[in-house]
Amino acid sequence: MLSIDPDPSQKQIDSNDDATKWKIGVALLLSKPPGVIQEFETRPGGVSLRRAAKLSVADATPEPVTKGKKVTVAGKLIRANWTTHRNGPYAGSKVALQFRAKSASTFRTLKKVTTNSAGVLRTQVTASTDGFFRWVYYGNTTTGTATSGQDYIDVR
C-alpha cells in the first residue's frame, strides 16, 4: 500500500521536487493452503503526485454594470509549497476566465489570463448580459486543477 500524507506533521513530503510521476511496482501472490502457489504476477506502473492548487472567488466589478461597459474580473491562484509547508502564489500560470449567462446551464471560456508574480489574475471584459464569472486552472504535471467560486454580475 502506498500512503503519502503531505501534512507537515507527518514529515513524509518535504520538497516541492516530490511533485512528479512516481514509479511503482505491484506483486501479487495467490496461494491455497498448505502453501501451494496458485499464481504469481508482477506489474510496473506509475502514479502522479501533484501539489494542491486553489483559486479565490472571481471578483467582478463594478456591480451593477451598464451594458457595453467594461467589467474587471480579479482573482488569485495559490498552490501548496511542500518546502515551507504553506500555500504560496503560483506565478506565470495560465488560467481560464469563464462566464455562464443567467439563463444558461454551461460555462464558456472567454479568455486565458496569466498570473503575475504574486499569483494575481486581473482582466477586463465587456458586459453584455447578467451571469456568473469563474476562474478555472487546468493543472499541469506538478500541480492539480482548481476552480474558483462564482461571482454574479448584474448588467443593466
N, C-alpha and C. Protein backbone atom coordinates (compact mmCIF):
# COMPACT_ATOMS: atom_id res chain seq x y z
N MET A 1 0.84 -1.17 0.00
CA MET A 1 0.00 0.00 0.00
C MET A 1 0.89 1.24 0.00
N LEU A 2 0.57 2.19 -0.86
CA LEU A 2 1.28 3.46 -0.92
C LEU A 2 0.50 4.49 -0.14
N SER A 3 1.14 5.11 0.83
CA SER A 3 0.48 6.12 1.65
C SER A 3 1.43 7.30 1.80
N ILE A 4 1.03 8.45 1.25
CA ILE A 4 1.83 9.66 1.36
C ILE A 4 0.91 10.75 1.89
N ASP A 5 1.29 11.35 2.99
CA ASP A 5 0.49 12.40 3.60
C ASP A 5 1.30 13.70 3.58
N PRO A 6 0.86 14.71 2.80
CA PRO A 6 1.63 15.96 2.72
C PRO A 6 1.50 16.86 3.94
N ASP A 7 0.69 16.47 4.94
CA ASP A 7 0.55 17.27 6.14
C ASP A 7 1.94 17.41 6.80
N PRO A 8 2.32 18.65 7.16
CA PRO A 8 3.66 18.87 7.72
C PRO A 8 3.96 18.02 8.95
N SER A 9 2.95 17.69 9.74
CA SER A 9 3.20 16.91 10.95
C SER A 9 3.64 15.47 10.64
N GLN A 10 3.35 15.00 9.42
CA GLN A 10 3.71 13.64 9.05
C GLN A 10 5.15 13.52 8.55
N LYS A 11 5.75 14.62 8.12
CA LYS A 11 7.15 14.68 7.66
C LYS A 11 7.45 13.65 6.56
N GLN A 12 6.46 13.40 5.70
CA GLN A 12 6.67 12.46 4.61
C GLN A 12 7.08 13.17 3.33
N ILE A 13 6.64 14.40 3.15
CA ILE A 13 6.99 15.17 1.96
C ILE A 13 7.61 16.48 2.43
N ASP A 14 8.83 16.75 2.01
CA ASP A 14 9.50 17.96 2.46
C ASP A 14 10.13 18.76 1.33
N SER A 15 9.79 18.41 0.09
CA SER A 15 10.35 19.11 -1.05
C SER A 15 9.32 19.21 -2.16
N ASN A 16 9.31 20.34 -2.84
CA ASN A 16 8.42 20.51 -3.98
C ASN A 16 8.81 19.58 -5.13
N ASP A 17 10.05 19.08 -5.11
CA ASP A 17 10.50 18.14 -6.14
C ASP A 17 9.78 16.80 -6.04
N ASP A 18 9.10 16.54 -4.93
CA ASP A 18 8.33 15.30 -4.78
C ASP A 18 7.09 15.28 -5.67
N ALA A 19 6.69 16.46 -6.19
CA ALA A 19 5.54 16.54 -7.10
C ALA A 19 6.00 16.11 -8.49
N THR A 20 5.82 14.84 -8.78
CA THR A 20 6.28 14.26 -10.04
C THR A 20 5.56 12.94 -10.26
N LYS A 21 5.89 12.25 -11.33
CA LYS A 21 5.34 10.91 -11.55
C LYS A 21 6.25 9.91 -10.86
N TRP A 22 5.68 9.17 -9.95
CA TRP A 22 6.42 8.16 -9.19
C TRP A 22 6.25 6.81 -9.85
N LYS A 23 7.35 6.04 -9.91
CA LYS A 23 7.27 4.68 -10.44
C LYS A 23 6.89 3.75 -9.29
N ILE A 24 5.99 2.84 -9.58
CA ILE A 24 5.58 1.87 -8.58
C ILE A 24 5.62 0.48 -9.19
N GLY A 25 5.66 -0.50 -8.35
CA GLY A 25 5.58 -1.89 -8.79
C GLY A 25 4.63 -2.65 -7.89
N VAL A 26 3.93 -3.60 -8.45
CA VAL A 26 2.97 -4.38 -7.70
C VAL A 26 3.28 -5.85 -7.90
N ALA A 27 3.29 -6.58 -6.81
CA ALA A 27 3.48 -8.03 -6.89
C ALA A 27 2.26 -8.69 -6.26
N LEU A 28 1.70 -9.67 -6.96
CA LEU A 28 0.51 -10.37 -6.49
C LEU A 28 0.83 -11.85 -6.36
N LEU A 29 0.51 -12.39 -5.20
CA LEU A 29 0.74 -13.80 -4.95
C LEU A 29 -0.55 -14.42 -4.44
N LEU A 30 -1.08 -15.37 -5.18
CA LEU A 30 -2.28 -16.09 -4.77
C LEU A 30 -1.87 -17.51 -4.40
N SER A 31 -2.31 -17.93 -3.22
CA SER A 31 -1.95 -19.28 -2.79
C SER A 31 -3.12 -19.93 -2.06
N LYS A 32 -3.03 -21.25 -2.00
CA LYS A 32 -4.01 -22.06 -1.26
C LYS A 32 -3.25 -22.82 -0.19
N PRO A 33 -3.87 -22.99 0.96
CA PRO A 33 -3.19 -23.80 1.98
C PRO A 33 -3.00 -25.22 1.46
N PRO A 34 -2.01 -25.88 1.76
CA PRO A 34 -0.91 -25.57 2.68
C PRO A 34 0.29 -24.98 1.95
N GLY A 35 0.19 -23.76 1.41
CA GLY A 35 1.33 -23.07 0.82
C GLY A 35 1.57 -23.36 -0.65
N VAL A 36 0.58 -23.89 -1.35
CA VAL A 36 0.74 -24.14 -2.77
C VAL A 36 0.46 -22.85 -3.54
N ILE A 37 1.44 -22.37 -4.30
CA ILE A 37 1.27 -21.13 -5.05
C ILE A 37 0.40 -21.39 -6.27
N GLN A 38 -0.68 -20.64 -6.36
CA GLN A 38 -1.60 -20.77 -7.49
C GLN A 38 -1.19 -19.84 -8.63
N GLU A 39 -0.80 -18.61 -8.28
CA GLU A 39 -0.46 -17.63 -9.31
C GLU A 39 0.44 -16.56 -8.71
N PHE A 40 1.42 -16.12 -9.50
CA PHE A 40 2.30 -15.04 -9.09
C PHE A 40 2.45 -14.11 -10.28
N GLU A 41 2.26 -12.81 -10.05
CA GLU A 41 2.32 -11.85 -11.15
C GLU A 41 2.90 -10.54 -10.64
N THR A 42 3.70 -9.89 -11.46
CA THR A 42 4.22 -8.56 -11.13
C THR A 42 3.84 -7.60 -12.25
N ARG A 43 3.62 -6.33 -11.88
CA ARG A 43 3.28 -5.31 -12.87
C ARG A 43 3.92 -3.99 -12.48
N PRO A 44 4.53 -3.30 -13.46
CA PRO A 44 5.05 -1.96 -13.19
C PRO A 44 3.92 -0.95 -13.40
N GLY A 45 4.09 0.23 -12.86
CA GLY A 45 3.10 1.28 -13.05
C GLY A 45 3.64 2.61 -12.59
N GLY A 46 2.75 3.56 -12.51
CA GLY A 46 3.14 4.89 -12.07
C GLY A 46 1.96 5.62 -11.46
N VAL A 47 2.27 6.59 -10.65
CA VAL A 47 1.24 7.42 -10.03
C VAL A 47 1.79 8.85 -9.97
N SER A 48 0.94 9.82 -10.32
CA SER A 48 1.34 11.23 -10.26
C SER A 48 0.99 11.82 -8.91
N LEU A 49 1.93 12.50 -8.33
CA LEU A 49 1.72 13.21 -7.08
C LEU A 49 1.84 14.70 -7.40
N ARG A 50 0.74 15.44 -7.24
CA ARG A 50 0.72 16.85 -7.62
C ARG A 50 0.36 17.74 -6.43
N ARG A 51 0.93 18.93 -6.43
CA ARG A 51 0.67 19.91 -5.38
C ARG A 51 -0.75 20.46 -5.54
N ALA A 52 -1.44 20.70 -4.42
CA ALA A 52 -2.81 21.23 -4.44
C ALA A 52 -2.80 22.70 -4.87
N ALA A 53 -3.80 23.06 -5.67
CA ALA A 53 -3.97 24.45 -6.11
C ALA A 53 -5.34 24.96 -5.66
N LYS A 54 -5.42 26.26 -5.41
CA LYS A 54 -6.69 26.89 -5.03
C LYS A 54 -6.81 28.23 -5.73
N LEU A 55 -8.04 28.54 -6.16
CA LEU A 55 -8.34 29.83 -6.77
C LEU A 55 -9.32 30.59 -5.89
N SER A 56 -9.06 31.88 -5.70
CA SER A 56 -10.02 32.70 -4.96
C SER A 56 -11.25 32.92 -5.83
N VAL A 57 -12.36 33.29 -5.22
CA VAL A 57 -13.59 33.57 -5.95
C VAL A 57 -13.33 34.66 -6.97
N ALA A 58 -13.85 34.49 -8.18
CA ALA A 58 -13.74 35.52 -9.22
C ALA A 58 -14.49 36.76 -8.74
N ASP A 59 -13.80 37.89 -8.66
CA ASP A 59 -14.42 39.12 -8.18
C ASP A 59 -14.62 40.07 -9.36
N ALA A 60 -15.88 40.24 -9.79
CA ALA A 60 -16.21 41.10 -10.92
C ALA A 60 -16.71 42.45 -10.41
N THR A 61 -16.13 43.54 -10.92
CA THR A 61 -16.54 44.90 -10.54
C THR A 61 -16.59 45.79 -11.77
N PRO A 62 -17.38 46.84 -11.83
CA PRO A 62 -18.32 47.28 -10.81
C PRO A 62 -19.61 46.47 -10.86
N GLU A 63 -20.37 46.54 -9.80
CA GLU A 63 -21.66 45.86 -9.73
C GLU A 63 -22.70 46.85 -9.23
N PRO A 64 -23.79 47.05 -9.91
CA PRO A 64 -24.11 46.58 -11.26
C PRO A 64 -23.28 47.33 -12.30
N VAL A 65 -23.34 46.86 -13.54
CA VAL A 65 -22.59 47.46 -14.63
C VAL A 65 -23.55 47.77 -15.79
N THR A 66 -23.26 48.81 -16.52
CA THR A 66 -24.06 49.18 -17.68
C THR A 66 -23.67 48.31 -18.87
N LYS A 67 -24.67 47.85 -19.59
CA LYS A 67 -24.42 47.01 -20.77
C LYS A 67 -23.48 47.74 -21.73
N GLY A 68 -22.47 47.01 -22.22
CA GLY A 68 -21.49 47.57 -23.14
C GLY A 68 -20.27 48.17 -22.46
N LYS A 69 -20.31 48.32 -21.14
CA LYS A 69 -19.17 48.86 -20.39
C LYS A 69 -18.25 47.72 -19.96
N LYS A 70 -17.04 48.08 -19.55
CA LYS A 70 -16.04 47.09 -19.13
C LYS A 70 -16.28 46.63 -17.69
N VAL A 71 -16.05 45.33 -17.48
CA VAL A 71 -16.07 44.71 -16.16
C VAL A 71 -14.65 44.21 -15.89
N THR A 72 -14.13 44.49 -14.71
CA THR A 72 -12.83 43.97 -14.30
C THR A 72 -13.06 42.74 -13.44
N VAL A 73 -12.40 41.64 -13.81
CA VAL A 73 -12.51 40.40 -13.03
C VAL A 73 -11.14 40.08 -12.47
N ALA A 74 -11.09 39.86 -11.16
CA ALA A 74 -9.82 39.60 -10.47
C ALA A 74 -9.89 38.30 -9.68
N GLY A 75 -8.73 37.79 -9.33
CA GLY A 75 -8.64 36.57 -8.52
C GLY A 75 -7.19 36.29 -8.19
N LYS A 76 -6.95 35.16 -7.53
CA LYS A 76 -5.60 34.77 -7.16
C LYS A 76 -5.48 33.26 -7.17
N LEU A 77 -4.35 32.77 -7.69
CA LEU A 77 -4.04 31.34 -7.73
C LEU A 77 -2.89 31.06 -6.77
N ILE A 78 -3.13 30.13 -5.85
CA ILE A 78 -2.09 29.69 -4.93
C ILE A 78 -1.93 28.18 -5.05
N ARG A 79 -0.79 27.68 -4.58
CA ARG A 79 -0.60 26.23 -4.53
C ARG A 79 0.24 25.86 -3.32
N ALA A 80 0.16 24.60 -2.95
CA ALA A 80 0.89 24.10 -1.79
C ALA A 80 2.39 24.19 -2.04
N ASN A 81 3.10 24.64 -1.03
CA ASN A 81 4.56 24.65 -1.07
C ASN A 81 5.01 23.66 0.00
N TRP A 82 5.52 22.52 -0.44
CA TRP A 82 5.86 21.44 0.48
C TRP A 82 7.18 21.70 1.22
N THR A 83 7.96 22.67 0.75
CA THR A 83 9.20 23.01 1.43
C THR A 83 8.91 23.88 2.65
N THR A 84 8.03 24.88 2.46
CA THR A 84 7.71 25.81 3.55
C THR A 84 6.47 25.36 4.35
N HIS A 85 5.75 24.38 3.82
CA HIS A 85 4.51 23.87 4.43
C HIS A 85 3.43 24.96 4.54
N ARG A 86 3.40 25.83 3.54
CA ARG A 86 2.38 26.88 3.43
C ARG A 86 1.95 26.98 1.97
N ASN A 87 0.77 27.55 1.76
CA ASN A 87 0.36 27.86 0.39
C ASN A 87 1.06 29.14 -0.03
N GLY A 88 1.41 29.19 -1.32
CA GLY A 88 2.06 30.39 -1.85
C GLY A 88 1.55 30.72 -3.22
N PRO A 89 1.82 31.93 -3.72
CA PRO A 89 1.34 32.34 -5.03
C PRO A 89 1.94 31.46 -6.13
N TYR A 90 1.16 31.25 -7.18
CA TYR A 90 1.63 30.47 -8.33
C TYR A 90 1.75 31.41 -9.52
N ALA A 91 2.95 31.87 -9.76
CA ALA A 91 3.23 32.86 -10.80
C ALA A 91 3.36 32.21 -12.18
N GLY A 92 3.01 32.98 -13.22
CA GLY A 92 3.23 32.57 -14.60
C GLY A 92 2.33 31.44 -15.08
N SER A 93 1.18 31.27 -14.46
CA SER A 93 0.27 30.18 -14.83
C SER A 93 -0.91 30.70 -15.64
N LYS A 94 -1.29 29.96 -16.67
CA LYS A 94 -2.45 30.33 -17.48
C LYS A 94 -3.72 29.81 -16.82
N VAL A 95 -4.70 30.73 -16.65
CA VAL A 95 -5.97 30.42 -16.02
C VAL A 95 -7.08 30.91 -16.93
N ALA A 96 -8.12 30.10 -17.09
CA ALA A 96 -9.24 30.46 -17.97
C ALA A 96 -10.28 31.26 -17.20
N LEU A 97 -10.73 32.37 -17.80
CA LEU A 97 -11.87 33.11 -17.27
C LEU A 97 -13.10 32.59 -17.99
N GLN A 98 -14.07 32.11 -17.23
CA GLN A 98 -15.28 31.55 -17.82
C GLN A 98 -16.50 32.36 -17.39
N PHE A 99 -17.53 32.30 -18.26
CA PHE A 99 -18.78 33.02 -18.00
C PHE A 99 -19.95 32.11 -18.32
N ARG A 100 -20.98 32.20 -17.47
CA ARG A 100 -22.24 31.50 -17.72
C ARG A 100 -23.36 32.51 -17.60
N ALA A 101 -24.10 32.70 -18.69
CA ALA A 101 -25.24 33.61 -18.67
C ALA A 101 -26.27 33.09 -17.66
N LYS A 102 -27.03 34.01 -17.09
CA LYS A 102 -28.03 33.67 -16.07
C LYS A 102 -28.98 32.57 -16.55
N SER A 103 -29.34 32.60 -17.84
CA SER A 103 -30.29 31.63 -18.39
C SER A 103 -29.63 30.37 -18.95
N ALA A 104 -28.30 30.29 -18.90
CA ALA A 104 -27.58 29.15 -19.49
C ALA A 104 -27.24 28.11 -18.41
N SER A 105 -26.89 26.91 -18.87
CA SER A 105 -26.54 25.84 -17.94
C SER A 105 -25.05 25.50 -17.96
N THR A 106 -24.30 26.04 -18.92
CA THR A 106 -22.88 25.73 -19.02
C THR A 106 -22.03 26.99 -19.12
N PHE A 107 -20.79 26.86 -18.65
CA PHE A 107 -19.83 27.95 -18.74
C PHE A 107 -19.12 27.88 -20.09
N ARG A 108 -18.67 29.04 -20.56
CA ARG A 108 -17.82 29.09 -21.75
C ARG A 108 -16.59 29.93 -21.42
N THR A 109 -15.47 29.56 -21.99
CA THR A 109 -14.22 30.28 -21.74
C THR A 109 -14.20 31.56 -22.56
N LEU A 110 -13.96 32.69 -21.88
CA LEU A 110 -13.87 33.98 -22.55
C LEU A 110 -12.44 34.28 -22.99
N LYS A 111 -11.49 33.98 -22.10
CA LYS A 111 -10.07 34.23 -22.40
C LYS A 111 -9.21 33.53 -21.38
N LYS A 112 -7.91 33.47 -21.67
CA LYS A 112 -6.94 32.92 -20.73
C LYS A 112 -6.06 34.07 -20.25
N VAL A 113 -5.80 34.06 -18.94
CA VAL A 113 -5.04 35.12 -18.29
C VAL A 113 -3.87 34.48 -17.56
N THR A 114 -2.71 35.14 -17.58
CA THR A 114 -1.52 34.62 -16.90
C THR A 114 -1.35 35.32 -15.55
N THR A 115 -1.10 34.54 -14.50
CA THR A 115 -0.89 35.11 -13.16
C THR A 115 0.40 35.91 -13.12
N ASN A 116 0.39 36.97 -12.30
CA ASN A 116 1.62 37.75 -12.12
C ASN A 116 2.49 37.09 -11.04
N SER A 117 3.55 37.76 -10.62
CA SER A 117 4.49 37.16 -9.66
C SER A 117 3.85 36.88 -8.30
N ALA A 118 2.73 37.55 -8.00
CA ALA A 118 2.02 37.33 -6.74
C ALA A 118 0.86 36.35 -6.90
N GLY A 119 0.74 35.74 -8.09
CA GLY A 119 -0.35 34.80 -8.36
C GLY A 119 -1.67 35.49 -8.67
N VAL A 120 -1.65 36.80 -8.85
CA VAL A 120 -2.87 37.58 -9.07
C VAL A 120 -3.29 37.54 -10.54
N LEU A 121 -4.62 37.45 -10.73
CA LEU A 121 -5.24 37.48 -12.05
C LEU A 121 -6.08 38.74 -12.15
N ARG A 122 -6.02 39.42 -13.29
CA ARG A 122 -6.85 40.60 -13.48
C ARG A 122 -7.02 40.81 -14.98
N THR A 123 -8.27 40.98 -15.40
CA THR A 123 -8.55 41.23 -16.81
C THR A 123 -9.86 41.99 -16.93
N GLN A 124 -10.11 42.52 -18.12
CA GLN A 124 -11.36 43.23 -18.39
C GLN A 124 -12.09 42.57 -19.54
N VAL A 125 -13.43 42.55 -19.43
CA VAL A 125 -14.30 42.06 -20.49
C VAL A 125 -15.49 43.01 -20.61
N THR A 126 -16.14 42.99 -21.74
CA THR A 126 -17.31 43.84 -21.96
C THR A 126 -18.56 43.16 -21.43
N ALA A 127 -19.34 43.90 -20.65
CA ALA A 127 -20.58 43.38 -20.07
C ALA A 127 -21.67 43.33 -21.14
N SER A 128 -22.34 42.18 -21.25
CA SER A 128 -23.41 42.06 -22.24
C SER A 128 -24.71 41.52 -21.65
N THR A 129 -24.61 40.66 -20.63
CA THR A 129 -25.80 40.05 -20.03
C THR A 129 -25.53 39.63 -18.59
N ASP A 130 -26.59 39.51 -17.81
CA ASP A 130 -26.44 39.03 -16.43
C ASP A 130 -25.84 37.62 -16.45
N GLY A 131 -25.00 37.33 -15.47
CA GLY A 131 -24.44 35.98 -15.40
C GLY A 131 -23.35 35.85 -14.36
N PHE A 132 -22.63 34.75 -14.44
CA PHE A 132 -21.65 34.36 -13.45
C PHE A 132 -20.26 34.23 -14.07
N PHE A 133 -19.25 34.76 -13.37
CA PHE A 133 -17.85 34.59 -13.77
C PHE A 133 -17.19 33.59 -12.82
N ARG A 134 -16.22 32.85 -13.34
CA ARG A 134 -15.38 31.99 -12.51
C ARG A 134 -14.03 31.81 -13.20
N TRP A 135 -13.03 31.40 -12.42
CA TRP A 135 -11.69 31.08 -12.93
C TRP A 135 -11.53 29.55 -12.92
N VAL A 136 -10.81 29.02 -13.92
CA VAL A 136 -10.50 27.58 -13.96
C VAL A 136 -9.03 27.40 -14.31
N TYR A 137 -8.31 26.68 -13.43
CA TYR A 137 -6.92 26.31 -13.70
C TYR A 137 -6.92 24.82 -14.02
N TYR A 138 -6.36 24.46 -15.17
CA TYR A 138 -6.42 23.07 -15.64
C TYR A 138 -5.29 22.18 -15.13
N GLY A 139 -4.36 22.74 -14.37
CA GLY A 139 -3.30 21.93 -13.79
C GLY A 139 -2.17 21.62 -14.77
N ASN A 140 -1.15 20.96 -14.24
CA ASN A 140 -0.01 20.51 -15.06
C ASN A 140 0.60 19.29 -14.39
N THR A 141 1.79 18.92 -14.77
CA THR A 141 2.38 17.68 -14.24
C THR A 141 2.74 17.76 -12.77
N THR A 142 2.89 18.97 -12.22
CA THR A 142 3.28 19.11 -10.80
C THR A 142 2.19 19.71 -9.93
N THR A 143 1.14 20.28 -10.53
CA THR A 143 0.11 20.97 -9.77
C THR A 143 -1.28 20.55 -10.24
N GLY A 144 -2.17 20.29 -9.28
CA GLY A 144 -3.52 19.85 -9.60
C GLY A 144 -4.41 20.96 -10.14
N THR A 145 -5.62 20.60 -10.49
CA THR A 145 -6.60 21.54 -11.05
C THR A 145 -7.29 22.32 -9.93
N ALA A 146 -7.92 23.45 -10.32
CA ALA A 146 -8.68 24.25 -9.36
C ALA A 146 -9.75 25.03 -10.10
N THR A 147 -10.90 25.20 -9.45
CA THR A 147 -11.99 26.02 -9.97
C THR A 147 -12.44 26.95 -8.86
N SER A 148 -12.56 28.23 -9.19
CA SER A 148 -12.96 29.21 -8.18
C SER A 148 -14.47 29.18 -7.96
N GLY A 149 -14.88 29.88 -6.93
CA GLY A 149 -16.30 30.14 -6.73
C GLY A 149 -16.76 31.15 -7.78
N GLN A 150 -18.06 31.30 -7.90
CA GLN A 150 -18.65 32.17 -8.93
C GLN A 150 -19.01 33.54 -8.35
N ASP A 151 -18.99 34.54 -9.24
CA ASP A 151 -19.46 35.87 -8.87
C ASP A 151 -20.50 36.29 -9.89
N TYR A 152 -21.68 36.67 -9.39
CA TYR A 152 -22.79 37.09 -10.26
C TYR A 152 -22.63 38.56 -10.58
N ILE A 153 -22.87 38.92 -11.85
CA ILE A 153 -22.82 40.30 -12.28
C ILE A 153 -24.18 40.71 -12.85
N ASP A 154 -24.67 41.83 -12.38
CA ASP A 154 -25.96 42.38 -12.82
C ASP A 154 -25.69 43.42 -13.90
N VAL A 155 -26.17 43.17 -15.12
CA VAL A 155 -25.96 44.08 -16.24
C VAL A 155 -27.27 44.82 -16.49
N ARG A 156 -27.18 46.16 -16.51
CA ARG A 156 -28.38 46.98 -16.72
C ARG A 156 -28.30 47.77 -17.99
